[in-house]
Amino acid sequence: MKVTLIPLGKRLVFPDGHVEEGYEVKMSNTKIEQVARAIAEANNTPTALDAYSLARAAIAAMREPTEAMLMESSCNAVETERLVRDWQAMIDAALEEK
């Protein structure tokens, strides 16, 4: 598993719990890392590993669209099946960090 460091301002909290001040971190473009940063910022998550694990779980939970989500689509039944396949493929790509 790839472990990502989550910047909390200029303070970094590493997976082992130690903290370093004053470092700049290159921001990644993977969806998991974007969600992990949002979780860390919103909840002051203590470690990058916690935020990363929560982000993966949250994205995986989105893999199956709800009936309400599908009802918001303007697709017919055949198109809806394709929409669901495409949605799942996008979620899978996010989980594979593509």
C-alpha atoms as a PDB file:
ATOM      1  CA  MET A   1       0.000   0.000   0.000  1.00  0.00           C
ATOM      2  CA  LYS A   2       1.247   3.470  -0.865  1.00  0.00           C
ATOM      3  CA  VAL A   3       1.309   5.719   2.203  1.00  0.00           C
ATOM      4  CA  THR A   4       0.862   9.392   1.531  1.00  0.00           C
ATOM      5  CA  LEU A   5       1.936  12.222   3.796  1.00  0.00           C
ATOM      6  CA  ILE A   6      -0.862  14.694   4.391  1.00  0.00           C
ATOM      7  CA  PRO A   7       0.133  18.331   4.807  1.00  0.00           C
ATOM      8  CA  LEU A   8      -1.569  20.016   7.759  1.00  0.00           C
ATOM      9  CA  GLY A   9      -0.493  23.572   7.066  1.00  0.00           C
ATOM     10  CA  LYS A  10       3.284  23.549   7.324  1.00  0.00           C
ATOM     11  CA  ARG A  11       3.171  20.775   9.895  1.00  0.00           C
ATOM     12  CA  LEU A  12       3.419  17.138   8.805  1.00  0.00           C
ATOM     13  CA  VAL A  13       2.134  14.252  10.874  1.00  0.00           C
ATOM     14  CA  PHE A  14       3.768  11.031   9.730  1.00  0.00           C
ATOM     15  CA  PRO A  15       2.167   7.559   9.876  1.00  0.00           C
ATOM     16  CA  ASP A  16       4.330   6.637  12.873  1.00  0.00           C
ATOM     17  CA  GLY A  17       3.000   9.703  14.725  1.00  0.00           C
ATOM     18  CA  HIS A  18       6.060  11.956  14.697  1.00  0.00           C
ATOM     19  CA  VAL A  19       5.605  15.563  13.623  1.00  0.00           C
ATOM     20  CA  GLU A  20       7.888  17.776  11.564  1.00  0.00           C
ATOM     21  CA  GLU A  21       7.440  21.497  11.096  1.00  0.00           C
ATOM     22  CA  GLY A  22       8.214  23.722   8.136  1.00  0.00           C
ATOM     23  CA  TYR A  23       8.214  21.235   5.289  1.00  0.00           C
ATOM     24  CA  GLU A  24       6.526  21.764   1.965  1.00  0.00           C
ATOM     25  CA  VAL A  25       4.867  18.741   0.438  1.00  0.00           C
ATOM     26  CA  LYS A  26       4.221  18.212  -3.235  1.00  0.00           C
ATOM     27  CA  MET A  27       0.462  17.853  -3.595  1.00  0.00           C
ATOM     28  CA  SER A  28      -0.618  14.743  -5.463  1.00  0.00           C
ATOM     29  CA  ASN A  29      -3.437  14.581  -7.939  1.00  0.00           C
ATOM     30  CA  THR A  30      -4.813  11.166  -7.030  1.00  0.00           C
ATOM     31  CA  LYS A  31      -8.403  11.217  -5.826  1.00  0.00           C
ATOM     32  CA  ILE A  32      -7.519   9.205  -2.706  1.00  0.00           C
ATOM     33  CA  GLU A  33      -4.931  11.790  -1.694  1.00  0.00           C
ATOM     34  CA  GLN A  34      -7.339  14.666  -2.399  1.00  0.00           C
ATOM     35  CA  VAL A  35     -10.014  13.034  -0.239  1.00  0.00           C
ATOM     36  CA  ALA A  36      -7.438  12.181   2.455  1.00  0.00           C
ATOM     37  CA  ARG A  37      -6.359  15.838   2.631  1.00  0.00           C
ATOM     38  CA  ALA A  38     -10.001  16.924   2.928  1.00  0.00           C
ATOM     39  CA  ILE A  39     -10.571  14.412   5.751  1.00  0.00           C
ATOM     40  CA  ALA A  40      -7.382  15.484   7.533  1.00  0.00           C
ATOM     41  CA  GLU A  41      -8.296  19.156   7.283  1.00  0.00           C
ATOM     42  CA  ALA A  42     -11.934  18.670   8.301  1.00  0.00           C
ATOM     43  CA  ASN A  43     -11.273  16.335  11.224  1.00  0.00           C
ATOM     44  CA  ASN A  44      -7.707  17.132  12.233  1.00  0.00           C
ATOM     45  CA  THR A  45      -6.903  13.460  11.644  1.00  0.00           C
ATOM     46  CA  PRO A  46      -3.861  12.514  13.708  1.00  0.00           C
ATOM     47  CA  THR A  47      -1.945  10.617  11.031  1.00  0.00           C
ATOM     48  CA  ALA A  48      -1.644  10.490   7.288  1.00  0.00           C
ATOM     49  CA  LEU A  49      -2.243   6.744   7.370  1.00  0.00           C
ATOM     50  CA  ASP A  50      -5.585   7.233   9.147  1.00  0.00           C
ATOM     51  CA  ALA A  51      -6.720   9.845   6.614  1.00  0.00           C
ATOM     52  CA  TYR A  52      -5.574   7.684   3.706  1.00  0.00           C
ATOM     53  CA  SER A  53      -7.446   4.623   5.009  1.00  0.00           C
ATOM     54  CA  LEU A  54     -10.596   6.675   5.608  1.00  0.00           C
ATOM     55  CA  ALA A  55     -10.370   8.165   2.116  1.00  0.00           C
ATOM     56  CA  ARG A  56     -10.089   4.724   0.479  1.00  0.00           C
ATOM     57  CA  ALA A  57     -13.088   3.481   2.471  1.00  0.00           C
ATOM     58  CA  ALA A  58     -15.156   6.550   1.586  1.00  0.00           C
ATOM     59  CA  ILE A  59     -14.394   6.276  -2.123  1.00  0.00           C
ATOM     60  CA  ALA A  60     -15.095   2.523  -2.131  1.00  0.00           C
ATOM     61  CA  ALA A  61     -18.461   3.181  -0.477  1.00  0.00           C
ATOM     62  CA  MET A  62     -19.384   5.411  -3.429  1.00  0.00           C
ATOM     63  CA  ARG A  63     -18.933   2.560  -5.934  1.00  0.00           C
ATOM     64  CA  GLU A  64     -22.618   1.614  -5.939  1.00  0.00           C
ATOM     65  CA  PRO A  65     -24.843   4.555  -6.879  1.00  0.00           C
ATOM     66  CA  THR A  66     -28.058   4.842  -4.892  1.00  0.00           C
ATOM     67  CA  GLU A  67     -31.493   4.745  -6.455  1.00  0.00           C
ATOM     68  CA  ALA A  68     -31.819   8.469  -5.732  1.00  0.00           C
ATOM     69  CA  MET A  69     -28.562   9.157  -7.569  1.00  0.00           C
ATOM     70  CA  LEU A  70     -29.765   7.196 -10.595  1.00  0.00           C
ATOM     71  CA  MET A  71     -33.116   8.991 -10.566  1.00  0.00           C
ATOM     72  CA  GLU A  72     -31.277  12.306 -11.017  1.00  0.00           C
ATOM     73  CA  SER A  73     -29.918  11.046 -14.336  1.00  0.00           C
ATOM     74  CA  SER A  74     -31.741  11.731 -17.568  1.00  0.00           C
ATOM     75  CA  CYS A  75     -30.787   8.258 -18.854  1.00  0.00           C
ATOM     76  CA  ASN A  76     -33.223   5.578 -19.952  1.00  0.00           C
ATOM     77  CA  ALA A  77     -32.927   1.992 -18.630  1.00  0.00           C
ATOM     78  CA  VAL A  78     -30.307   0.893 -21.179  1.00  0.00           C
ATOM     79  CA  GLU A  79     -28.289   4.064 -20.707  1.00  0.00           C
ATOM     80  CA  THR A  80     -28.560   3.721 -16.926  1.00  0.00           C
ATOM     81  CA  GLU A  81     -26.831   0.325 -17.063  1.00  0.00           C
ATOM     82  CA  ARG A  82     -23.992   1.914 -19.017  1.00  0.00           C
ATOM     83  CA  LEU A  83     -23.932   4.872 -16.623  1.00  0.00           C
ATOM     84  CA  VAL A  84     -23.536   2.504 -13.657  1.00  0.00           C
ATOM     85  CA  ARG A  85     -20.708   0.598 -15.406  1.00  0.00           C
ATOM     86  CA  ASP A  86     -18.955   3.872 -16.243  1.00  0.00           C
ATOM     87  CA  TRP A  87     -19.438   5.183 -12.688  1.00  0.00           C
ATOM     88  CA  GLN A  88     -17.992   1.982 -11.223  1.00  0.00           C
ATOM     89  CA  ALA A  89     -15.057   2.102 -13.641  1.00  0.00           C
ATOM     90  CA  MET A  90     -14.301   5.665 -12.521  1.00  0.00           C
ATOM     91  CA  ILE A  91     -14.448   4.688  -8.838  1.00  0.00           C
ATOM     92  CA  ASP A  92     -12.225   1.670  -9.536  1.00  0.00           C
ATOM     93  CA  ALA A  93      -9.715   3.943 -11.298  1.00  0.00           C
ATOM     94  CA  ALA A  94      -9.687   6.253  -8.281  1.00  0.00           C
ATOM     95  CA  LEU A  95      -9.054   3.296  -5.959  1.00  0.00           C
ATOM     96  CA  GLU A  96      -6.211   2.143  -8.233  1.00  0.00           C
ATOM     97  CA  GLU A  97      -4.835   5.706  -8.037  1.00  0.00           C
ATOM     98  CA  LYS A  98      -4.934   6.227 -11.790  1.00  0.00           C
END
